[in-house]
Amino acid sequence: MITYQAFNKKEIPPIIAMIALDIIAPISLMIGLKTSLPENVALPNNFEIVATSLFAAFFF
């Protein structure tokens, strides 16, 4: 049987920050893609996937 614990007051600010950044990040990405040239966006956008994977493998 799985039991769950309620969030305590110490965990609420990081949870709110995570939700806010999860909303802001794709909006910022779309604005950046709209205002930049495709040549300047392609390589960093592809590297973002690799960097995220390496970050997850290293820290988690």
Protein backbone atom coordinates (compact mmCIF):
# COMPACT_ATOMS: atom_id res chain seq x y z
CA MET A 1 0.00 0.00 0.00
CA ILE A 2 1.32 3.44 -0.93
CA THR A 3 1.08 6.20 1.63
CA TYR A 4 1.49 9.87 0.84
CA GLN A 5 2.61 12.68 3.10
CA ALA A 6 1.28 16.20 2.91
CA PHE A 7 3.63 19.01 1.94
CA ASN A 8 5.13 20.89 4.84
CA LYS A 9 5.68 24.66 4.91
CA LYS A 10 9.37 24.27 4.02
CA GLU A 11 8.51 22.59 0.70
CA ILE A 12 5.89 25.07 -0.52
CA PRO A 13 8.25 27.83 -1.89
CA PRO A 14 10.26 25.41 -4.10
CA ILE A 15 7.03 23.87 -5.38
CA ILE A 16 5.62 27.29 -6.29
CA ALA A 17 8.92 28.25 -7.95
CA MET A 18 8.94 25.01 -9.94
CA ILE A 19 5.39 25.61 -11.16
CA ALA A 20 6.16 29.26 -12.07
CA LEU A 21 9.34 28.32 -13.96
CA ASP A 22 7.52 25.51 -15.72
CA ILE A 23 5.08 28.10 -17.06
CA ILE A 24 7.66 30.81 -17.85
CA ALA A 25 10.25 28.59 -19.60
CA PRO A 26 8.23 27.54 -22.67
CA ILE A 27 6.80 31.05 -23.06
CA SER A 28 10.33 32.47 -23.04
CA LEU A 29 11.45 29.82 -25.52
CA MET A 30 8.63 30.68 -27.94
CA ILE A 31 9.36 34.42 -27.68
CA GLY A 32 13.04 33.75 -28.32
CA LEU A 33 12.27 31.55 -31.31
CA LYS A 34 9.90 34.16 -32.75
CA THR A 35 12.35 37.05 -32.42
CA SER A 36 15.51 35.23 -33.59
CA LEU A 37 16.77 33.98 -36.91
CA PRO A 38 16.50 30.21 -37.47
CA GLU A 39 20.25 29.95 -38.08
CA ASN A 40 20.97 31.40 -34.65
CA VAL A 41 18.46 29.18 -32.84
CA ALA A 42 18.97 25.71 -34.34
CA LEU A 43 22.24 24.69 -32.66
CA PRO A 44 21.48 26.02 -29.14
CA ASN A 45 17.99 24.50 -29.31
CA ASN A 46 19.46 21.08 -30.16
CA PHE A 47 22.11 21.46 -27.47
CA GLU A 48 19.41 22.22 -24.90
CA ILE A 49 18.13 18.65 -25.20
CA VAL A 50 21.62 17.22 -24.69
CA ALA A 51 22.38 19.58 -21.80
CA THR A 52 19.12 18.68 -20.05
CA SER A 53 19.88 14.96 -20.40
CA LEU A 54 23.40 15.38 -19.05
CA PHE A 55 22.15 17.56 -16.21
CA ALA A 56 19.59 14.92 -15.23
CA ALA A 57 22.10 12.07 -15.47
CA PHE A 58 24.68 13.96 -13.41
CA PHE A 59 22.44 15.28 -10.63
CA PHE A 60 19.76 12.59 -10.40
